[in-house]
């Protein structure tokens, strides 16, 4: 499932796959950056990827690449600080 995208986007696996009811995720490295490869298995996840691409990182993870069922997203790491609104 991940192989075509690993090759197409020059990704390196960076962890174990995560399986959910609506998608398959794989932590990867893309252009020396931590990223997440997400392959949708549900139509709502496909639609969500389009919305995230449109948001362009404003309030959501940045989309680095998108094709068909797959989306390559920026991945949060321990170095990212989160702002919690109260």
PDB file of N, CA and C in Angstrom:
ATOM      1  N   UNK A   1       0.822  -1.197   0.000  1.00  0.00           N
ATOM      2  CA  UNK A   1       0.000   0.000   0.000  1.00  0.00           C
ATOM      3  C   UNK A   1       0.868   1.264   0.000  1.00  0.00           C
ATOM      4  N   UNK A   2       1.955   1.279   0.752  1.00  0.00           N
ATOM      5  CA  UNK A   2       2.803   2.459   0.851  1.00  0.00           C
ATOM      6  C   UNK A   2       3.855   2.539  -0.259  1.00  0.00           C
ATOM      7  N   UNK A   3       4.248   1.388  -0.794  1.00  0.00           N
ATOM      8  CA  UNK A   3       5.379   1.306  -1.723  1.00  0.00           C
ATOM      9  C   UNK A   3       5.351   2.306  -2.873  1.00  0.00           C
ATOM     10  N   UNK A   4       4.225   2.448  -3.590  1.00  0.00           N
ATOM     11  CA  UNK A   4       4.245   3.384  -4.723  1.00  0.00           C
ATOM     12  C   UNK A   4       4.564   4.817  -4.308  1.00  0.00           C
ATOM     13  N   UNK A   5       4.091   5.220  -3.149  1.00  0.00           N
ATOM     14  CA  UNK A   5       4.293   6.591  -2.683  1.00  0.00           C
ATOM     15  C   UNK A   5       5.690   6.787  -2.097  1.00  0.00           C
ATOM     16  N   UNK A   6       6.225   5.754  -1.452  1.00  0.00           N
ATOM     17  CA  UNK A   6       7.591   5.836  -0.937  1.00  0.00           C
ATOM     18  C   UNK A   6       8.550   6.122  -2.090  1.00  0.00           C
ATOM     19  N   UNK A   7       8.346   5.427  -3.187  1.00  0.00           N
ATOM     20  CA  UNK A   7       9.206   5.608  -4.359  1.00  0.00           C
ATOM     21  C   UNK A   7       8.908   6.936  -5.064  1.00  0.00           C
ATOM     22  N   UNK A   8       7.654   7.210  -5.321  1.00  0.00           N
ATOM     23  CA  UNK A   8       7.249   8.398  -6.076  1.00  0.00           C
ATOM     24  C   UNK A   8       7.709   9.696  -5.403  1.00  0.00           C
ATOM     25  N   UNK A   9       7.589   9.762  -4.073  1.00  0.00           N
ATOM     26  CA  UNK A   9       7.918  10.990  -3.354  1.00  0.00           C
ATOM     27  C   UNK A   9       9.272  10.926  -2.649  1.00  0.00           C
ATOM     28  N   UNK A  10      10.061   9.877  -2.942  1.00  0.00           N
ATOM     29  CA  UNK A  10      11.401   9.711  -2.353  1.00  0.00           C
ATOM     30  C   UNK A  10      11.353   9.767  -0.824  1.00  0.00           C
ATOM     31  N   UNK A  11      10.522   8.910  -0.250  1.00  0.00           N
ATOM     32  CA  UNK A  11      10.324   8.852   1.200  1.00  0.00           C
ATOM     33  C   UNK A  11      11.144   7.728   1.809  1.00  0.00           C
ATOM     34  N   UNK A  12      11.535   7.924   3.058  1.00  0.00           N
ATOM     35  CA  UNK A  12      12.200   6.888   3.839  1.00  0.00           C
ATOM     36  C   UNK A  12      11.326   6.578   5.042  1.00  0.00           C
ATOM     37  N   UNK A  13      11.025   5.307   5.242  1.00  0.00           N
ATOM     38  CA  UNK A  13      10.226   4.907   6.400  1.00  0.00           C
ATOM     39  C   UNK A  13      10.938   5.324   7.680  1.00  0.00           C
ATOM     40  N   UNK A  14      10.155   5.795   8.671  1.00  0.00           N
ATOM     41  CA  UNK A  14      10.717   6.287   9.923  1.00  0.00           C
ATOM     42  C   UNK A  14       9.932   5.775  11.125  1.00  0.00           C
ATOM     43  N   UNK A  15       9.371   4.583  10.995  1.00  0.00           N
ATOM     44  CA  UNK A  15       8.601   4.014  12.094  1.00  0.00           C
ATOM     45  C   UNK A  15       7.663   2.932  11.595  1.00  0.00           C
ATOM     46  N   UNK A  16       6.872   2.437  12.505  1.00  0.00           N
ATOM     47  CA  UNK A  16       5.919   1.375  12.203  1.00  0.00           C
ATOM     48  C   UNK A  16       4.614   1.949  11.647  1.00  0.00           C
ATOM     49  N   UNK A  17       3.950   1.205  10.757  1.00  0.00           N
ATOM     50  CA  UNK A  17       2.652   1.651  10.237  1.00  0.00           C
ATOM     51  C   UNK A  17       1.612   1.730  11.349  1.00  0.00           C
ATOM     52  N   UNK A  18       0.678   2.629  11.167  1.00  0.00           N
ATOM     53  CA  UNK A  18      -0.452   2.796  12.083  1.00  0.00           C
ATOM     54  C   UNK A  18      -1.706   2.516  11.268  1.00  0.00           C
ATOM     55  N   UNK A  19      -2.529   1.583  11.734  1.00  0.00           N
ATOM     56  CA  UNK A  19      -3.731   1.178  11.012  1.00  0.00           C
ATOM     57  C   UNK A  19      -4.957   1.669  11.770  1.00  0.00           C
ATOM     58  N   UNK A  20      -5.835   2.415  11.094  1.00  0.00           N
ATOM     59  CA  UNK A  20      -7.091   2.851  11.692  1.00  0.00           C
ATOM     60  C   UNK A  20      -8.236   2.325  10.840  1.00  0.00           C
ATOM     61  N   UNK A  21      -9.450   2.570  11.262  1.00  0.00           N
ATOM     62  CA  UNK A  21     -10.602   2.097  10.498  1.00  0.00           C
ATOM     63  C   UNK A  21     -10.772   2.838   9.174  1.00  0.00           C
ATOM     64  N   UNK A  22     -10.107   3.992   9.023  1.00  0.00           N
ATOM     65  CA  UNK A  22     -10.321   4.797   7.822  1.00  0.00           C
ATOM     66  C   UNK A  22      -9.052   5.137   7.036  1.00  0.00           C
ATOM     67  N   UNK A  23      -7.892   4.723   7.562  1.00  0.00           N
ATOM     68  CA  UNK A  23      -6.665   5.039   6.835  1.00  0.00           C
ATOM     69  C   UNK A  23      -5.489   4.201   7.328  1.00  0.00           C
ATOM     70  N   UNK A  24      -4.430   4.261   6.554  1.00  0.00           N
ATOM     71  CA  UNK A  24      -3.161   3.627   6.899  1.00  0.00           C
ATOM     72  C   UNK A  24      -2.130   4.741   6.931  1.00  0.00           C
ATOM     73  N   UNK A  25      -1.365   4.806   8.018  1.00  0.00           N
ATOM     74  CA  UNK A  25      -0.384   5.875   8.180  1.00  0.00           C
ATOM     75  C   UNK A  25       1.010   5.296   8.363  1.00  0.00           C
ATOM     76  N   UNK A  26       2.003   6.020   7.857  1.00  0.00           N
ATOM     77  CA  UNK A  26       3.383   5.589   8.012  1.00  0.00           C
ATOM     78  C   UNK A  26       4.252   6.815   8.277  1.00  0.00           C
ATOM     79  N   UNK A  27       4.945   6.849   9.425  1.00  0.00           N
ATOM     80  CA  UNK A  27       5.897   7.938   9.660  1.00  0.00           C
ATOM     81  C   UNK A  27       7.043   7.807   8.649  1.00  0.00           C
ATOM     82  N   UNK A  28       7.408   8.925   8.035  1.00  0.00           N
ATOM     83  CA  UNK A  28       8.450   8.923   7.009  1.00  0.00           C
ATOM     84  C   UNK A  28       9.332  10.157   7.159  1.00  0.00           C
ATOM     85  N   UNK A  29      10.428  10.143   6.419  1.00  0.00           N
ATOM     86  CA  UNK A  29      11.283  11.311   6.253  1.00  0.00           C
ATOM     87  C   UNK A  29      11.172  11.731   4.798  1.00  0.00           C
ATOM     88  N   UNK A  30      10.930  13.017   4.589  1.00  0.00           N
ATOM     89  CA  UNK A  30      10.828  13.594   3.247  1.00  0.00           C
ATOM     90  C   UNK A  30      11.676  14.857   3.205  1.00  0.00           C
ATOM     91  N   UNK A  31      12.648  14.884   2.325  1.00  0.00           N
ATOM     92  CA  UNK A  31      13.547  16.042   2.203  1.00  0.00           C
ATOM     93  C   UNK A  31      14.104  16.465   3.561  1.00  0.00           C
ATOM     94  N   UNK A  32      14.570  15.485   4.325  1.00  0.00           N
ATOM     95  CA  UNK A  32      15.161  15.698   5.657  1.00  0.00           C
ATOM     96  C   UNK A  32      14.169  16.232   6.688  1.00  0.00           C
ATOM     97  N   UNK A  33      12.871  16.110   6.423  1.00  0.00           N
ATOM     98  CA  UNK A  33      11.837  16.567   7.357  1.00  0.00           C
ATOM     99  C   UNK A  33      10.996  15.379   7.806  1.00  0.00           C
ATOM    100  N   UNK A  34      10.567  15.353   9.088  1.00  0.00           N
ATOM    101  CA  UNK A  34       9.627  14.321   9.501  1.00  0.00           C
ATOM    102  C   UNK A  34       8.269  14.580   8.839  1.00  0.00           C
ATOM    103  N   UNK A  35       7.683  13.529   8.321  1.00  0.00           N
ATOM    104  CA  UNK A  35       6.390  13.649   7.654  1.00  0.00           C
ATOM    105  C   UNK A  35       5.569  12.399   7.953  1.00  0.00           C
ATOM    106  N   UNK A  36       4.300  12.443   7.567  1.00  0.00           N
ATOM    107  CA  UNK A  36       3.407  11.300   7.740  1.00  0.00           C
ATOM    108  C   UNK A  36       2.753  11.007   6.397  1.00  0.00           C
ATOM    109  N   UNK A  37       2.904   9.794   5.941  1.00  0.00           N
ATOM    110  CA  UNK A  37       2.229   9.335   4.731  1.00  0.00           C
ATOM    111  C   UNK A  37       0.908   8.715   5.166  1.00  0.00           C
ATOM    112  N   UNK A  38      -0.172   9.236   4.636  1.00  0.00           N
ATOM    113  CA  UNK A  38      -1.501   8.757   5.007  1.00  0.00           C
ATOM    114  C   UNK A  38      -2.229   8.299   3.749  1.00  0.00           C
ATOM    115  N   UNK A  39      -2.662   7.046   3.750  1.00  0.00           N
ATOM    116  CA  UNK A  39      -3.406   6.500   2.625  1.00  0.00           C
ATOM    117  C   UNK A  39      -4.825   6.208   3.104  1.00  0.00           C
ATOM    118  N   UNK A  40      -5.779   6.903   2.527  1.00  0.00           N
ATOM    119  CA  UNK A  40      -7.182   6.783   2.937  1.00  0.00           C
ATOM    120  C   UNK A  40      -7.786   5.472   2.457  1.00  0.00           C
ATOM    121  N   UNK A  41      -8.622   4.904   3.304  1.00  0.00           N
ATOM    122  CA  UNK A  41      -9.409   3.728   2.917  1.00  0.00           C
ATOM    123  C   UNK A  41     -10.895   4.047   3.024  1.00  0.00           C
ATOM    124  N   UNK A  42     -11.206   5.321   3.241  1.00  0.00           N
ATOM    125  CA  UNK A  42     -12.574   5.776   3.458  1.00  0.00           C
ATOM    126  C   UNK A  42     -12.758   7.110   2.724  1.00  0.00           C
ATOM    127  N   UNK A  43     -13.912   7.324   2.150  1.00  0.00           N
ATOM    128  CA  UNK A  43     -14.144   8.545   1.364  1.00  0.00           C
ATOM    129  C   UNK A  43     -14.045   9.815   2.199  1.00  0.00           C
ATOM    130  N   UNK A  44     -14.439   9.763   3.462  1.00  0.00           N
ATOM    131  CA  UNK A  44     -14.355  10.976   4.291  1.00  0.00           C
ATOM    132  C   UNK A  44     -12.904  11.394   4.504  1.00  0.00           C
ATOM    133  N   UNK A  45     -11.991  10.433   4.587  1.00  0.00           N
ATOM    134  CA  UNK A  45     -10.571  10.744   4.729  1.00  0.00           C
ATOM    135  C   UNK A  45     -10.030  11.370   3.444  1.00  0.00           C
ATOM    136  N   UNK A  46     -10.495  10.896   2.302  1.00  0.00           N
ATOM    137  CA  UNK A  46     -10.084  11.482   1.023  1.00  0.00           C
ATOM    138  C   UNK A  46     -10.532  12.941   0.947  1.00  0.00           C
ATOM    139  N   UNK A  47     -11.771  13.196   1.335  1.00  0.00           N
ATOM    140  CA  UNK A  47     -12.293  14.569   1.331  1.00  0.00           C
ATOM    141  C   UNK A  47     -11.524  15.445   2.317  1.00  0.00           C
ATOM    142  N   UNK A  48     -11.183  14.874   3.465  1.00  0.00           N
ATOM    143  CA  UNK A  48     -10.425  15.611   4.477  1.00  0.00           C
ATOM    144  C   UNK A  48      -9.056  16.033   3.966  1.00  0.00           C
ATOM    145  N   UNK A  49      -8.421  15.190   3.170  1.00  0.00           N
ATOM    146  CA  UNK A  49      -7.116  15.531   2.608  1.00  0.00           C
ATOM    147  C   UNK A  49      -7.227  16.735   1.682  1.00  0.00           C
ATOM    148  N   UNK A  50      -8.291  16.796   0.900  1.00  0.00           N
ATOM    149  CA  UNK A  50      -8.507  17.947   0.020  1.00  0.00           C
ATOM    150  C   UNK A  50      -8.693  19.227   0.820  1.00  0.00           C
ATOM    151  N   UNK A  51      -9.430  19.127   1.919  1.00  0.00           N
ATOM    152  CA  UNK A  51      -9.649  20.287   2.776  1.00  0.00           C
ATOM    153  C   UNK A  51      -8.338  20.747   3.405  1.00  0.00           C
ATOM    154  N   UNK A  52      -7.527  19.805   3.881  1.00  0.00           N
ATOM    155  CA  UNK A  52      -6.243  20.167   4.482  1.00  0.00           C
ATOM    156  C   UNK A  52      -5.333  20.839   3.451  1.00  0.00           C
ATOM    157  N   UNK A  53      -5.365  20.346   2.230  1.00  0.00           N
ATOM    158  CA  UNK A  53      -4.573  20.962   1.163  1.00  0.00           C
ATOM    159  C   UNK A  53      -5.036  22.408   0.942  1.00  0.00           C
ATOM    160  N   UNK A  54      -6.322  22.628   0.944  1.00  0.00           N
ATOM    161  CA  UNK A  54      -6.881  23.964   0.742  1.00  0.00           C
ATOM    162  C   UNK A  54      -6.482  24.899   1.889  1.00  0.00           C
ATOM    163  N   UNK A  55      -6.502  24.378   3.142  1.00  0.00           N
ATOM    164  CA  UNK A  55      -6.116  25.186   4.301  1.00  0.00           C
ATOM    165  C   UNK A  55      -4.647  25.601   4.240  1.00  0.00           C
ATOM    166  N   UNK A  56      -3.819  24.825   3.560  1.00  0.00           N
ATOM    167  CA  UNK A  56      -2.404  25.130   3.350  1.00  0.00           C
ATOM    168  C   UNK A  56      -1.658  25.399   4.659  1.00  0.00           C
ATOM    169  N   UNK A  57      -1.895  24.564   5.664  1.00  0.00           N
ATOM    170  CA  UNK A  57      -1.168  24.667   6.922  1.00  0.00           C
ATOM    171  C   UNK A  57      -1.701  25.685   7.905  1.00  0.00           C
ATOM    172  N   UNK A  58      -2.758  26.383   7.563  1.00  0.00           N
ATOM    173  CA  UNK A  58      -3.343  27.380   8.466  1.00  0.00           C
ATOM    174  C   UNK A  58      -4.320  26.670   9.406  1.00  0.00           C
ATOM    175  N   UNK A  59      -3.861  26.320  10.607  1.00  0.00           N
ATOM    176  CA  UNK A  59      -4.699  25.619  11.578  1.00  0.00           C
ATOM    177  C   UNK A  59      -4.719  24.112  11.400  1.00  0.00           C
ATOM    178  N   UNK A  60      -3.900  23.608  10.503  1.00  0.00           N
ATOM    179  CA  UNK A  60      -3.833  22.170  10.245  1.00  0.00           C
ATOM    180  C   UNK A  60      -2.420  21.831   9.788  1.00  0.00           C
ATOM    181  N   UNK A  61      -2.109  20.553   9.770  1.00  0.00           N
ATOM    182  CA  UNK A  61      -0.805  20.128   9.258  1.00  0.00           C
ATOM    183  C   UNK A  61      -0.673  20.538   7.796  1.00  0.00           C
ATOM    184  N   UNK A  62       0.518  20.949   7.414  1.00  0.00           N
ATOM    185  CA  UNK A  62       0.787  21.333   6.026  1.00  0.00           C
ATOM    186  C   UNK A  62       0.805  20.080   5.145  1.00  0.00           C
ATOM    187  N   UNK A  63       0.232  20.178   3.977  1.00  0.00           N
ATOM    188  CA  UNK A  63       0.236  19.089   3.000  1.00  0.00           C
ATOM    189  C   UNK A  63       1.425  19.298   2.071  1.00  0.00           C
ATOM    190  N   UNK A  64       2.341  18.330   2.053  1.00  0.00           N
ATOM    191  CA  UNK A  64       3.499  18.414   1.175  1.00  0.00           C
ATOM    192  C   UNK A  64       3.188  17.863  -0.212  1.00  0.00           C
ATOM    193  N   UNK A  65       2.354  16.824  -0.271  1.00  0.00           N
ATOM    194  CA  UNK A  65       2.003  16.207  -1.553  1.00  0.00           C
ATOM    195  C   UNK A  65       0.665  15.501  -1.397  1.00  0.00           C
ATOM    196  N   UNK A  66      -0.035  15.381  -2.515  1.00  0.00           N
ATOM    197  CA  UNK A  66      -1.344  14.722  -2.494  1.00  0.00           C
ATOM    198  C   UNK A  66      -1.574  14.076  -3.853  1.00  0.00           C
ATOM    199  N   UNK A  67      -2.009  12.829  -3.831  1.00  0.00           N
ATOM    200  CA  UNK A  67      -2.335  12.131  -5.068  1.00  0.00           C
ATOM    201  C   UNK A  67      -3.298  10.988  -4.759  1.00  0.00           C
ATOM    202  N   UNK A  68      -4.455  11.012  -5.381  1.00  0.00           N
ATOM    203  CA  UNK A  68      -5.425   9.938  -5.185  1.00  0.00           C
ATOM    204  C   UNK A  68      -5.786   9.769  -3.723  1.00  0.00           C
ATOM    205  N   UNK A  69      -5.592   8.574  -3.204  1.00  0.00           N
ATOM    206  CA  UNK A  69      -5.922   8.252  -1.811  1.00  0.00           C
ATOM    207  C   UNK A  69      -4.843   8.678  -0.825  1.00  0.00           C
ATOM    208  N   UNK A  70      -3.677   9.103  -1.323  1.00  0.00           N
ATOM    209  CA  UNK A  70      -2.536   9.378  -0.448  1.00  0.00           C
ATOM    210  C   UNK A  70      -2.302  10.862  -0.254  1.00  0.00           C
ATOM    211  N   UNK A  71      -1.863  11.177   0.957  1.00  0.00           N
ATOM    212  CA  UNK A  71      -1.476  12.546   1.291  1.00  0.00           C
ATOM    213  C   UNK A  71      -0.212  12.469   2.147  1.00  0.00           C
ATOM    214  N   UNK A  72       0.728  13.361   1.875  1.00  0.00           N
ATOM    215  CA  UNK A  72       1.959  13.457   2.646  1.00  0.00           C
ATOM    216  C   UNK A  72       1.863  14.720   3.482  1.00  0.00           C
ATOM    217  N   UNK A  73       1.868  14.543   4.804  1.00  0.00           N
ATOM    218  CA  UNK A  73       1.638  15.645   5.749  1.00  0.00           C
ATOM    219  C   UNK A  73       2.872  15.933   6.579  1.00  0.00           C
ATOM    220  N   UNK A  74       2.996  17.190   7.023  1.00  0.00           N
ATOM    221  CA  UNK A  74       4.033  17.477   8.004  1.00  0.00           C
ATOM    222  C   UNK A  74       3.703  16.693   9.270  1.00  0.00           C
ATOM    223  N   UNK A  75       4.751  16.301   9.995  1.00  0.00           N
ATOM    224  CA  UNK A  75       4.554  15.490  11.197  1.00  0.00           C
ATOM    225  C   UNK A  75       5.091  16.228  12.412  1.00  0.00           C
ATOM    226  N   UNK A  76       4.281  16.292  13.439  1.00  0.00           N
ATOM    227  CA  UNK A  76       4.704  16.906  14.701  1.00  0.00           C
ATOM    228  C   UNK A  76       5.794  16.051  15.339  1.00  0.00           C
ATOM    229  N   UNK A  77       6.740  16.713  15.938  1.00  0.00           N
ATOM    230  CA  UNK A  77       7.805  16.017  16.661  1.00  0.00           C
ATOM    231  C   UNK A  77       7.910  16.620  18.052  1.00  0.00           C
ATOM    232  N   UNK A  78       8.804  16.087  18.853  1.00  0.00           N
ATOM    233  CA  UNK A  78       9.003  16.602  20.207  1.00  0.00           C
ATOM    234  C   UNK A  78       9.474  18.049  20.202  1.00  0.00           C
ATOM    235  N   UNK A  79      10.013  18.521  19.083  1.00  0.00           N
ATOM    236  CA  UNK A  79      10.545  19.879  19.005  1.00  0.00           C
ATOM    237  C   UNK A  79       9.468  20.916  18.729  1.00  0.00           C
ATOM    238  N   UNK A  80       8.256  20.497  18.441  1.00  0.00           N
ATOM    239  CA  UNK A  80       7.177  21.435  18.142  1.00  0.00           C
ATOM    240  C   UNK A  80       6.423  21.747  19.422  1.00  0.00           C
ATOM    241  N   UNK A  81       6.231  23.026  19.680  1.00  0.00           N
ATOM    242  CA  UNK A  81       5.509  23.459  20.870  1.00  0.00           C
ATOM    243  C   UNK A  81       4.066  23.764  20.484  1.00  0.00           C
ATOM    244  N   UNK A  82       3.152  23.338  21.297  1.00  0.00           N
ATOM    245  CA  UNK A  82       1.737  23.557  21.025  1.00  0.00           C
ATOM    246  C   UNK A  82       1.211  24.690  21.907  1.00  0.00           C
ATOM    247  N   UNK A  83       0.385  25.509  21.343  1.00  0.00           N
ATOM    248  CA  UNK A  83      -0.287  26.572  22.086  1.00  0.00           C
ATOM    249  C   UNK A  83      -1.691  26.089  22.427  1.00  0.00           C
ATOM    250  N   UNK A  84      -1.999  26.096  23.692  1.00  0.00           N
ATOM    251  CA  UNK A  84      -3.311  25.646  24.142  1.00  0.00           C
ATOM    252  C   UNK A  84      -4.136  26.864  24.504  1.00  0.00           C
ATOM    253  N   UNK A  85      -5.277  27.000  23.837  1.00  0.00           N
ATOM    254  CA  UNK A  85      -6.174  28.113  24.117  1.00  0.00           C
ATOM    255  C   UNK A  85      -7.061  27.756  25.295  1.00  0.00           C
ATOM    256  N   UNK A  86      -7.240  28.695  26.179  1.00  0.00           N
ATOM    257  CA  UNK A  86      -8.100  28.455  27.351  1.00  0.00           C
ATOM    258  C   UNK A  86      -9.306  29.341  27.286  1.00  0.00           C
TER     259      UNK A  86
END
